[in-house]
Amino acid sequence: MSRRCELTGKGPMSGNNVSHANNKTKRRFLPNLNDVTLQSEALGRGFKLRISAAALRSVDHRGGLDAFLAKAKDVELSANALKIKKQIAKAQASA
């Protein structure tokens, strides 16, 4: 399982640990990933995703999974999220 947010594409960053003596050693900053189930109003079911805490706040701010995926860029989305986005678009077009 990769350490990458399925909705925003946020992944690990690199940097330095800096000691009191100003010694620098490499380290990784990992995203705060959570396993959540987000509900889709258009499809009437939930989807399990591994997303960052910042992405979860963004989903709430935009008004749910459907609204977030409608505005999201396809490049940032995972294959699973892209499949969900297409299903939602198809359901909204037929409704």
PDB file of N, CA and C in Angstrom:
ATOM      1  N   MET A   1       0.850  -1.175   0.000  1.00  0.00           N
ATOM      2  CA  MET A   1       0.000   0.000   0.000  1.00  0.00           C
ATOM      3  C   MET A   1       0.897   1.240   0.000  1.00  0.00           C
ATOM      4  N   SER A   2       0.708   2.088  -0.989  1.00  0.00           N
ATOM      5  CA  SER A   2       1.562   3.263  -1.077  1.00  0.00           C
ATOM      6  C   SER A   2       1.105   4.344  -0.098  1.00  0.00           C
ATOM      7  N   ARG A   3       2.044   5.189   0.294  1.00  0.00           N
ATOM      8  CA  ARG A   3       1.733   6.288   1.212  1.00  0.00           C
ATOM      9  C   ARG A   3       1.363   7.510   0.393  1.00  0.00           C
ATOM     10  N   ARG A   4       0.234   7.446  -0.297  1.00  0.00           N
ATOM     11  CA  ARG A   4      -0.209   8.525  -1.161  1.00  0.00           C
ATOM     12  C   ARG A   4      -1.718   8.693  -1.004  1.00  0.00           C
ATOM     13  N   CYS A   5      -2.158   9.941  -0.903  1.00  0.00           N
ATOM     14  CA  CYS A   5      -3.584  10.243  -0.770  1.00  0.00           C
ATOM     15  C   CYS A   5      -4.276   9.939  -2.093  1.00  0.00           C
ATOM     16  N   GLU A   6      -5.412   9.246  -2.038  1.00  0.00           N
ATOM     17  CA  GLU A   6      -6.121   8.862  -3.251  1.00  0.00           C
ATOM     18  C   GLU A   6      -6.849  10.031  -3.917  1.00  0.00           C
ATOM     19  N   LEU A   7      -7.137  11.091  -3.174  1.00  0.00           N
ATOM     20  CA  LEU A   7      -7.882  12.211  -3.741  1.00  0.00           C
ATOM     21  C   LEU A   7      -7.006  13.393  -4.144  1.00  0.00           C
ATOM     22  N   THR A   8      -5.976  13.682  -3.361  1.00  0.00           N
ATOM     23  CA  THR A   8      -5.151  14.852  -3.661  1.00  0.00           C
ATOM     24  C   THR A   8      -3.788  14.504  -4.242  1.00  0.00           C
ATOM     25  N   GLY A   9      -3.367  13.252  -4.140  1.00  0.00           N
ATOM     26  CA  GLY A   9      -2.060  12.849  -4.638  1.00  0.00           C
ATOM     27  C   GLY A   9      -0.918  13.227  -3.713  1.00  0.00           C
ATOM     28  N   LYS A  10      -1.236  13.707  -2.519  1.00  0.00           N
ATOM     29  CA  LYS A  10      -0.201  14.108  -1.557  1.00  0.00           C
ATOM     30  C   LYS A  10       0.589  12.875  -1.117  1.00  0.00           C
ATOM     31  N   GLY A  11       1.933  12.964  -1.175  1.00  0.00           N
ATOM     32  CA  GLY A  11       2.791  11.841  -0.815  1.00  0.00           C
ATOM     33  C   GLY A  11       3.885  12.268   0.138  1.00  0.00           C
ATOM     34  N   PRO A  12       4.847  11.372   0.399  1.00  0.00           N
ATOM     35  CA  PRO A  12       5.935  11.703   1.312  1.00  0.00           C
ATOM     36  C   PRO A  12       6.824  12.821   0.766  1.00  0.00           C
ATOM     37  N   MET A  13       7.326  13.647   1.689  1.00  0.00           N
ATOM     38  CA  MET A  13       8.291  14.688   1.338  1.00  0.00           C
ATOM     39  C   MET A  13       9.583  14.379   2.083  1.00  0.00           C
ATOM     40  N   SER A  14      10.700  14.920   1.605  1.00  0.00           N
ATOM     41  CA  SER A  14      11.963  14.683   2.286  1.00  0.00           C
ATOM     42  C   SER A  14      12.481  15.982   2.872  1.00  0.00           C
ATOM     43  N   GLY A  15      13.298  15.839   3.902  1.00  0.00           N
ATOM     44  CA  GLY A  15      13.870  17.000   4.557  1.00  0.00           C
ATOM     45  C   GLY A  15      14.995  16.562   5.470  1.00  0.00           C
ATOM     46  N   ASN A  16      15.302  17.363   6.452  1.00  0.00           N
ATOM     47  CA  ASN A  16      16.397  17.072   7.371  1.00  0.00           C
ATOM     48  C   ASN A  16      15.931  17.114   8.817  1.00  0.00           C
ATOM     49  N   ASN A  17      16.494  16.201   9.633  1.00  0.00           N
ATOM     50  CA  ASN A  17      16.458  16.356  11.078  1.00  0.00           C
ATOM     51  C   ASN A  17      17.630  17.269  11.416  1.00  0.00           C
ATOM     52  N   VAL A  18      17.399  18.302  12.190  1.00  0.00           N
ATOM     53  CA  VAL A  18      18.473  19.220  12.558  1.00  0.00           C
ATOM     54  C   VAL A  18      18.651  19.153  14.072  1.00  0.00           C
ATOM     55  N   SER A  19      19.850  18.729  14.498  1.00  0.00           N
ATOM     56  CA  SER A  19      20.127  18.586  15.921  1.00  0.00           C
ATOM     57  C   SER A  19      20.488  19.938  16.532  1.00  0.00           C
ATOM     58  N   HIS A  20      20.638  19.930  17.841  1.00  0.00           N
ATOM     59  CA  HIS A  20      21.029  21.145  18.550  1.00  0.00           C
ATOM     60  C   HIS A  20      22.411  21.628  18.095  1.00  0.00           C
ATOM     61  N   ALA A  21      23.262  20.670  17.693  1.00  0.00           N
ATOM     62  CA  ALA A  21      24.600  20.997  17.202  1.00  0.00           C
ATOM     63  C   ALA A  21      24.581  21.328  15.704  1.00  0.00           C
ATOM     64  N   ASN A  22      23.373  21.447  15.127  1.00  0.00           N
ATOM     65  CA  ASN A  22      23.158  21.787  13.718  1.00  0.00           C
ATOM     66  C   ASN A  22      23.638  20.693  12.771  1.00  0.00           C
ATOM     67  N   ASN A  23      23.671  19.421  13.257  1.00  0.00           N
ATOM     68  CA  ASN A  23      23.939  18.283  12.376  1.00  0.00           C
ATOM     69  C   ASN A  23      22.666  17.972  11.604  1.00  0.00           C
ATOM     70  N   LYS A  24      22.818  17.659  10.337  1.00  0.00           N
ATOM     71  CA  LYS A  24      21.647  17.403   9.492  1.00  0.00           C
ATOM     72  C   LYS A  24      21.673  15.958   8.992  1.00  0.00           C
ATOM     73  N   THR A  25      20.567  15.250   9.219  1.00  0.00           N
ATOM     74  CA  THR A  25      20.410  13.896   8.701  1.00  0.00           C
ATOM     75  C   THR A  25      19.092  13.835   7.950  1.00  0.00           C
ATOM     76  N   LYS A  26      19.061  13.049   6.881  1.00  0.00           N
ATOM     77  CA  LYS A  26      17.871  12.958   6.042  1.00  0.00           C
ATOM     78  C   LYS A  26      16.713  12.300   6.782  1.00  0.00           C
ATOM     79  N   ARG A  27      15.505  12.733   6.476  1.00  0.00           N
ATOM     80  CA  ARG A  27      14.292  12.133   7.036  1.00  0.00           C
ATOM     81  C   ARG A  27      13.156  12.272   6.046  1.00  0.00           C
ATOM     82  N   ARG A  28      12.050  11.591   6.314  1.00  0.00           N
ATOM     83  CA  ARG A  28      10.863  11.680   5.461  1.00  0.00           C
ATOM     84  C   ARG A  28       9.699  12.228   6.265  1.00  0.00           C
ATOM     85  N   PHE A  29       8.944  13.129   5.653  1.00  0.00           N
ATOM     86  CA  PHE A  29       7.715  13.644   6.238  1.00  0.00           C
ATOM     87  C   PHE A  29       6.570  12.901   5.562  1.00  0.00           C
ATOM     88  N   LEU A  30       5.867  12.054   6.310  1.00  0.00           N
ATOM     89  CA  LEU A  30       4.792  11.251   5.731  1.00  0.00           C
ATOM     90  C   LEU A  30       3.451  11.971   5.875  1.00  0.00           C
ATOM     91  N   PRO A  31       2.557  11.842   4.882  1.00  0.00           N
ATOM     92  CA  PRO A  31       1.237  12.463   5.000  1.00  0.00           C
ATOM     93  C   PRO A  31       0.395  11.751   6.064  1.00  0.00           C
ATOM     94  N   ASN A  32      -0.539  12.482   6.640  1.00  0.00           N
ATOM     95  CA  ASN A  32      -1.421  11.940   7.675  1.00  0.00           C
ATOM     96  C   ASN A  32      -2.581  11.222   6.984  1.00  0.00           C
ATOM     97  N   LEU A  33      -2.379   9.934   6.647  1.00  0.00           N
ATOM     98  CA  LEU A  33      -3.379   9.169   5.901  1.00  0.00           C
ATOM     99  C   LEU A  33      -4.334   8.445   6.839  1.00  0.00           C
ATOM    100  N   ASN A  34      -5.614   8.433   6.446  1.00  0.00           N
ATOM    101  CA  ASN A  34      -6.658   7.757   7.214  1.00  0.00           C
ATOM    102  C   ASN A  34      -7.513   6.925   6.265  1.00  0.00           C
ATOM    103  N   ASP A  35      -7.949   5.751   6.742  1.00  0.00           N
ATOM    104  CA  ASP A  35      -8.891   4.927   5.991  1.00  0.00           C
ATOM    105  C   ASP A  35     -10.296   5.387   6.354  1.00  0.00           C
ATOM    106  N   VAL A  36     -11.024   5.924   5.379  1.00  0.00           N
ATOM    107  CA  VAL A  36     -12.367   6.433   5.636  1.00  0.00           C
ATOM    108  C   VAL A  36     -13.341   5.884   4.601  1.00  0.00           C
ATOM    109  N   THR A  37     -14.612   5.887   4.956  1.00  0.00           N
ATOM    110  CA  THR A  37     -15.673   5.542   4.018  1.00  0.00           C
ATOM    111  C   THR A  37     -16.463   6.811   3.746  1.00  0.00           C
ATOM    112  N   LEU A  38     -16.452   7.245   2.495  1.00  0.00           N
ATOM    113  CA  LEU A  38     -17.165   8.455   2.094  1.00  0.00           C
ATOM    114  C   LEU A  38     -18.416   8.070   1.318  1.00  0.00           C
ATOM    115  N   GLN A  39     -19.525   8.750   1.623  1.00  0.00           N
ATOM    116  CA  GLN A  39     -20.805   8.453   0.997  1.00  0.00           C
ATOM    117  C   GLN A  39     -21.001   9.287  -0.263  1.00  0.00           C
ATOM    118  N   SER A  40     -21.520   8.657  -1.308  1.00  0.00           N
ATOM    119  CA  SER A  40     -21.866   9.352  -2.542  1.00  0.00           C
ATOM    120  C   SER A  40     -23.390   9.483  -2.609  1.00  0.00           C
ATOM    121  N   GLU A  41     -23.869  10.735  -2.754  1.00  0.00           N
ATOM    122  CA  GLU A  41     -25.320  10.944  -2.841  1.00  0.00           C
ATOM    123  C   GLU A  41     -25.866  10.451  -4.179  1.00  0.00           C
ATOM    124  N   ALA A  42     -25.104  10.638  -5.246  1.00  0.00           N
ATOM    125  CA  ALA A  42     -25.574  10.261  -6.585  1.00  0.00           C
ATOM    126  C   ALA A  42     -25.719   8.751  -6.723  1.00  0.00           C
ATOM    127  N   LEU A  43     -24.788   7.995  -6.134  1.00  0.00           N
ATOM    128  CA  LEU A  43     -24.813   6.540  -6.257  1.00  0.00           C
ATOM    129  C   LEU A  43     -25.493   5.863  -5.074  1.00  0.00           C
ATOM    130  N   GLY A  44     -25.659   6.591  -3.967  1.00  0.00           N
ATOM    131  CA  GLY A  44     -26.344   6.045  -2.807  1.00  0.00           C
ATOM    132  C   GLY A  44     -25.575   4.954  -2.086  1.00  0.00           C
ATOM    133  N   ARG A  45     -24.253   5.023  -2.113  1.00  0.00           N
ATOM    134  CA  ARG A  45     -23.451   4.024  -1.408  1.00  0.00           C
ATOM    135  C   ARG A  45     -22.147   4.653  -0.948  1.00  0.00           C
ATOM    136  N   GLY A  46     -21.413   3.918  -0.116  1.00  0.00           N
ATOM    137  CA  GLY A  46     -20.153   4.412   0.421  1.00  0.00           C
ATOM    138  C   GLY A  46     -18.962   3.809  -0.299  1.00  0.00           C
ATOM    139  N   PHE A  47     -17.836   4.529  -0.273  1.00  0.00           N
ATOM    140  CA  PHE A  47     -16.598   4.070  -0.878  1.00  0.00           C
ATOM    141  C   PHE A  47     -15.475   4.184   0.135  1.00  0.00           C
ATOM    142  N   LYS A  48     -14.677   3.110   0.291  1.00  0.00           N
ATOM    143  CA  LYS A  48     -13.537   3.132   1.205  1.00  0.00           C
ATOM    144  C   LYS A  48     -12.345   3.718   0.470  1.00  0.00           C
ATOM    145  N   LEU A  49     -11.763   4.781   1.042  1.00  0.00           N
ATOM    146  CA  LEU A  49     -10.609   5.451   0.455  1.00  0.00           C
ATOM    147  C   LEU A  49      -9.552   5.691   1.511  1.00  0.00           C
ATOM    148  N   ARG A  50      -8.309   5.799   1.091  1.00  0.00           N
ATOM    149  CA  ARG A  50      -7.203   6.139   1.990  1.00  0.00           C
ATOM    150  C   ARG A  50      -6.769   7.557   1.638  1.00  0.00           C
ATOM    151  N   ILE A  51      -7.215   8.514   2.455  1.00  0.00           N
ATOM    152  CA  ILE A  51      -6.987   9.922   2.132  1.00  0.00           C
ATOM    153  C   ILE A  51      -6.330  10.640   3.305  1.00  0.00           C
ATOM    154  N   SER A  52      -5.726  11.789   3.009  1.00  0.00           N
ATOM    155  CA  SER A  52      -5.087  12.588   4.048  1.00  0.00           C
ATOM    156  C   SER A  52      -6.141  13.343   4.847  1.00  0.00           C
ATOM    157  N   ALA A  53      -5.762  13.787   6.033  1.00  0.00           N
ATOM    158  CA  ALA A  53      -6.668  14.554   6.884  1.00  0.00           C
ATOM    159  C   ALA A  53      -7.039  15.868   6.205  1.00  0.00           C
ATOM    160  N   ALA A  54      -6.098  16.467   5.475  1.00  0.00           N
ATOM    161  CA  ALA A  54      -6.380  17.709   4.757  1.00  0.00           C
ATOM    162  C   ALA A  54      -7.404  17.470   3.647  1.00  0.00           C
ATOM    163  N   ALA A  55      -7.319  16.328   2.966  1.00  0.00           N
ATOM    164  CA  ALA A  55      -8.280  16.004   1.917  1.00  0.00           C
ATOM    165  C   ALA A  55      -9.673  15.774   2.508  1.00  0.00           C
ATOM    166  N   LEU A  56      -9.734  15.180   3.684  1.00  0.00           N
ATOM    167  CA  LEU A  56     -11.024  14.954   4.345  1.00  0.00           C
ATOM    168  C   LEU A  56     -11.698  16.280   4.670  1.00  0.00           C
ATOM    169  N   ARG A  57     -10.910  17.264   5.136  1.00  0.00           N
ATOM    170  CA  ARG A  57     -11.468  18.596   5.393  1.00  0.00           C
ATOM    171  C   ARG A  57     -11.926  19.249   4.091  1.00  0.00           C
ATOM    172  N   SER A  58     -11.172  19.046   3.008  1.00  0.00           N
ATOM    173  CA  SER A  58     -11.536  19.621   1.714  1.00  0.00           C
ATOM    174  C   SER A  58     -12.839  19.018   1.188  1.00  0.00           C
ATOM    175  N   VAL A  59     -13.016  17.716   1.382  1.00  0.00           N
ATOM    176  CA  VAL A  59     -14.256  17.050   0.959  1.00  0.00           C
ATOM    177  C   VAL A  59     -15.438  17.637   1.719  1.00  0.00           C
ATOM    178  N   ASP A  60     -15.294  17.824   3.034  1.00  0.00           N
ATOM    179  CA  ASP A  60     -16.364  18.414   3.837  1.00  0.00           C
ATOM    180  C   ASP A  60     -16.647  19.848   3.404  1.00  0.00           C
ATOM    181  N   HIS A  61     -15.589  20.597   3.112  1.00  0.00           N
ATOM    182  CA  HIS A  61     -15.735  22.003   2.729  1.00  0.00           C
ATOM    183  C   HIS A  61     -16.475  22.156   1.394  1.00  0.00           C
ATOM    184  N   ARG A  62     -16.191  21.266   0.457  1.00  0.00           N
ATOM    185  CA  ARG A  62     -16.819  21.348  -0.870  1.00  0.00           C
ATOM    186  C   ARG A  62     -18.222  20.762  -0.905  1.00  0.00           C
ATOM    187  N   GLY A  63     -18.634  20.088   0.149  1.00  0.00           N
ATOM    188  CA  GLY A  63     -20.002  19.594   0.216  1.00  0.00           C
ATOM    189  C   GLY A  63     -20.161  18.136  -0.127  1.00  0.00           C
ATOM    190  N   GLY A  64     -19.155  17.327   0.125  1.00  0.00           N
ATOM    191  CA  GLY A  64     -19.274  15.891  -0.071  1.00  0.00           C
ATOM    192  C   GLY A  64     -18.385  15.357  -1.178  1.00  0.00           C
ATOM    193  N   LEU A  65     -18.380  14.028  -1.294  1.00  0.00           N
ATOM    194  CA  LEU A  65     -17.518  13.343  -2.256  1.00  0.00           C
ATOM    195  C   LEU A  65     -17.857  13.701  -3.697  1.00  0.00           C
ATOM    196  N   ASP A  66     -19.148  13.769  -4.010  1.00  0.00           N
ATOM    197  CA  ASP A  66     -19.565  14.068  -5.392  1.00  0.00           C
ATOM    198  C   ASP A  66     -19.063  15.435  -5.851  1.00  0.00           C
ATOM    199  N   ALA A  67     -19.228  16.445  -5.020  1.00  0.00           N
ATOM    200  CA  ALA A  67     -18.795  17.794  -5.370  1.00  0.00           C
ATOM    201  C   ALA A  67     -17.277  17.880  -5.448  1.00  0.00           C
ATOM    202  N   PHE A  68     -16.583  17.172  -4.548  1.00  0.00           N
ATOM    203  CA  PHE A  68     -15.117  17.209  -4.571  1.00  0.00           C
ATOM    204  C   PHE A  68     -14.582  16.587  -5.853  1.00  0.00           C
ATOM    205  N   LEU A  69     -15.105  15.423  -6.223  1.00  0.00           N
ATOM    206  CA  LEU A  69     -14.607  14.734  -7.421  1.00  0.00           C
ATOM    207  C   LEU A  69     -14.961  15.479  -8.701  1.00  0.00           C
ATOM    208  N   ALA A  70     -16.078  16.207  -8.696  1.00  0.00           N
ATOM    209  CA  ALA A  70     -16.465  16.970  -9.883  1.00  0.00           C
ATOM    210  C   ALA A  70     -15.437  18.050 -10.195  1.00  0.00           C
ATOM    211  N   LYS A  71     -14.850  18.664  -9.155  1.00  0.00           N
ATOM    212  CA  LYS A  71     -13.873  19.735  -9.353  1.00  0.00           C
ATOM    213  C   LYS A  71     -12.431  19.229  -9.408  1.00  0.00           C
ATOM    214  N   ALA A  72     -12.183  17.986  -8.981  1.00  0.00           N
ATOM    215  CA  ALA A  72     -10.817  17.467  -8.878  1.00  0.00           C
ATOM    216  C   ALA A  72     -10.216  17.215 -10.259  1.00  0.00           C
ATOM    217  N   LYS A  73      -8.900  17.426 -10.358  1.00  0.00           N
ATOM    218  CA  LYS A  73      -8.173  17.149 -11.592  1.00  0.00           C
ATOM    219  C   LYS A  73      -7.911  15.652 -11.697  1.00  0.00           C
ATOM    220  N   ASP A  74      -8.071  15.101 -12.892  1.00  0.00           N
ATOM    221  CA  ASP A  74      -7.894  13.664 -13.090  1.00  0.00           C
ATOM    222  C   ASP A  74      -6.466  13.205 -12.808  1.00  0.00           C
ATOM    223  N   VAL A  75      -5.487  14.078 -13.005  1.00  0.00           N
ATOM    224  CA  VAL A  75      -4.077  13.718 -12.810  1.00  0.00           C
ATOM    225  C   VAL A  75      -3.785  13.405 -11.344  1.00  0.00           C
ATOM    226  N   GLU A  76      -4.430  14.128 -10.422  1.00  0.00           N
ATOM    227  CA  GLU A  76      -4.172  13.954  -8.993  1.00  0.00           C
ATOM    228  C   GLU A  76      -4.861  12.716  -8.419  1.00  0.00           C
ATOM    229  N   LEU A  77      -5.933  12.255  -9.048  1.00  0.00           N
ATOM    230  CA  LEU A  77      -6.730  11.162  -8.500  1.00  0.00           C
ATOM    231  C   LEU A  77      -6.075   9.804  -8.749  1.00  0.00           C
ATOM    232  N   SER A  78      -6.306   8.868  -7.823  1.00  0.00           N
ATOM    233  CA  SER A  78      -5.847   7.494  -8.014  1.00  0.00           C
ATOM    234  C   SER A  78      -6.778   6.804  -9.015  1.00  0.00           C
ATOM    235  N   ALA A  79      -6.395   5.612  -9.436  1.00  0.00           N
ATOM    236  CA  ALA A  79      -7.202   4.855 -10.394  1.00  0.00           C
ATOM    237  C   ALA A  79      -8.580   4.541  -9.808  1.00  0.00           C
ATOM    238  N   ASN A  80      -8.616   4.214  -8.520  1.00  0.00           N
ATOM    239  CA  ASN A  80      -9.879   3.906  -7.842  1.00  0.00           C
ATOM    240  C   ASN A  80     -10.785   5.137  -7.775  1.00  0.00           C
ATOM    241  N   ALA A  81     -10.206   6.288  -7.421  1.00  0.00           N
ATOM    242  CA  ALA A  81     -10.983   7.526  -7.316  1.00  0.00           C
ATOM    243  C   ALA A  81     -11.471   7.980  -8.694  1.00  0.00           C
ATOM    244  N   LEU A  82     -10.658   7.758  -9.729  1.00  0.00           N
ATOM    245  CA  LEU A  82     -11.047   8.126 -11.088  1.00  0.00           C
ATOM    246  C   LEU A  82     -12.234   7.290 -11.556  1.00  0.00           C
ATOM    247  N   LYS A  83     -12.237   6.016 -11.167  1.00  0.00           N
ATOM    248  CA  LYS A  83     -13.352   5.122 -11.510  1.00  0.00           C
ATOM    249  C   LYS A  83     -14.637   5.592 -10.823  1.00  0.00           C
ATOM    250  N   ILE A  84     -14.521   5.996  -9.557  1.00  0.00           N
ATOM    251  CA  ILE A  84     -15.675   6.505  -8.813  1.00  0.00           C
ATOM    252  C   ILE A  84     -16.188   7.794  -9.444  1.00  0.00           C
ATOM    253  N   LYS A  85     -15.278   8.670  -9.857  1.00  0.00           N
ATOM    254  CA  LYS A  85     -15.655   9.946 -10.483  1.00  0.00           C
ATOM    255  C   LYS A  85     -16.455   9.703 -11.758  1.00  0.00           C
ATOM    256  N   LYS A  86     -16.046   8.729 -12.567  1.00  0.00           N
ATOM    257  CA  LYS A  86     -16.750   8.424 -13.811  1.00  0.00           C
ATOM    258  C   LYS A  86     -18.129   7.836 -13.529  1.00  0.00           C
ATOM    259  N   GLN A  87     -18.240   6.997 -12.503  1.00  0.00           N
ATOM    260  CA  GLN A  87     -19.533   6.423 -12.126  1.00  0.00           C
ATOM    261  C   GLN A  87     -20.493   7.512 -11.682  1.00  0.00           C
ATOM    262  N   ILE A  88     -19.993   8.473 -10.898  1.00  0.00           N
ATOM    263  CA  ILE A  88     -20.830   9.567 -10.404  1.00  0.00           C
ATOM    264  C   ILE A  88     -21.285  10.443 -11.550  1.00  0.00           C
ATOM    265  N   ALA A  89     -20.371  10.763 -12.480  1.00  0.00           N
ATOM    266  CA  ALA A  89     -20.720  11.595 -13.631  1.00  0.00           C
ATOM    267  C   ALA A  89     -21.771  10.918 -14.489  1.00  0.00           C
ATOM    268  N   LYS A  90     -21.656   9.622 -14.664  1.00  0.00           N
ATOM    269  CA  LYS A  90     -22.633   8.861 -15.445  1.00  0.00           C
ATOM    270  C   LYS A  90     -24.000   8.851 -14.769  1.00  0.00           C
ATOM    271  N   ALA A  91     -24.011   8.679 -13.434  1.00  0.00           N
ATOM    272  CA  ALA A  91     -25.273   8.659 -12.693  1.00  0.00           C
ATOM    273  C   ALA A  91     -25.945  10.024 -12.717  1.00  0.00           C
ATOM    274  N   GLN A  92     -25.153  11.116 -12.625  1.00  0.00           N
ATOM    275  CA  GLN A  92     -25.740  12.450 -12.637  1.00  0.00           C
ATOM    276  C   GLN A  92     -26.241  12.828 -14.044  1.00  0.00           C
ATOM    277  N   ALA A  93     -25.587  12.312 -15.095  1.00  0.00           N
ATOM    278  CA  ALA A  93     -26.024  12.619 -16.457  1.00  0.00           C
ATOM    279  C   ALA A  93     -27.344  11.924 -16.774  1.00  0.00           C
ATOM    280  N   SER A  94     -27.517  10.703 -16.258  1.00  0.00           N
ATOM    281  CA  SER A  94     -28.748   9.960 -16.541  1.00  0.00           C
ATOM    282  C   SER A  94     -29.915  10.451 -15.682  1.00  0.00           C
ATOM    283  N   ALA A  95     -29.624  11.069 -14.541  1.00  0.00           N
ATOM    284  CA  ALA A  95     -30.693  11.529 -13.635  1.00  0.00           C
ATOM    285  C   ALA A  95     -31.296  12.857 -14.080  1.00  0.00           C
TER     286      ALA A  95
END
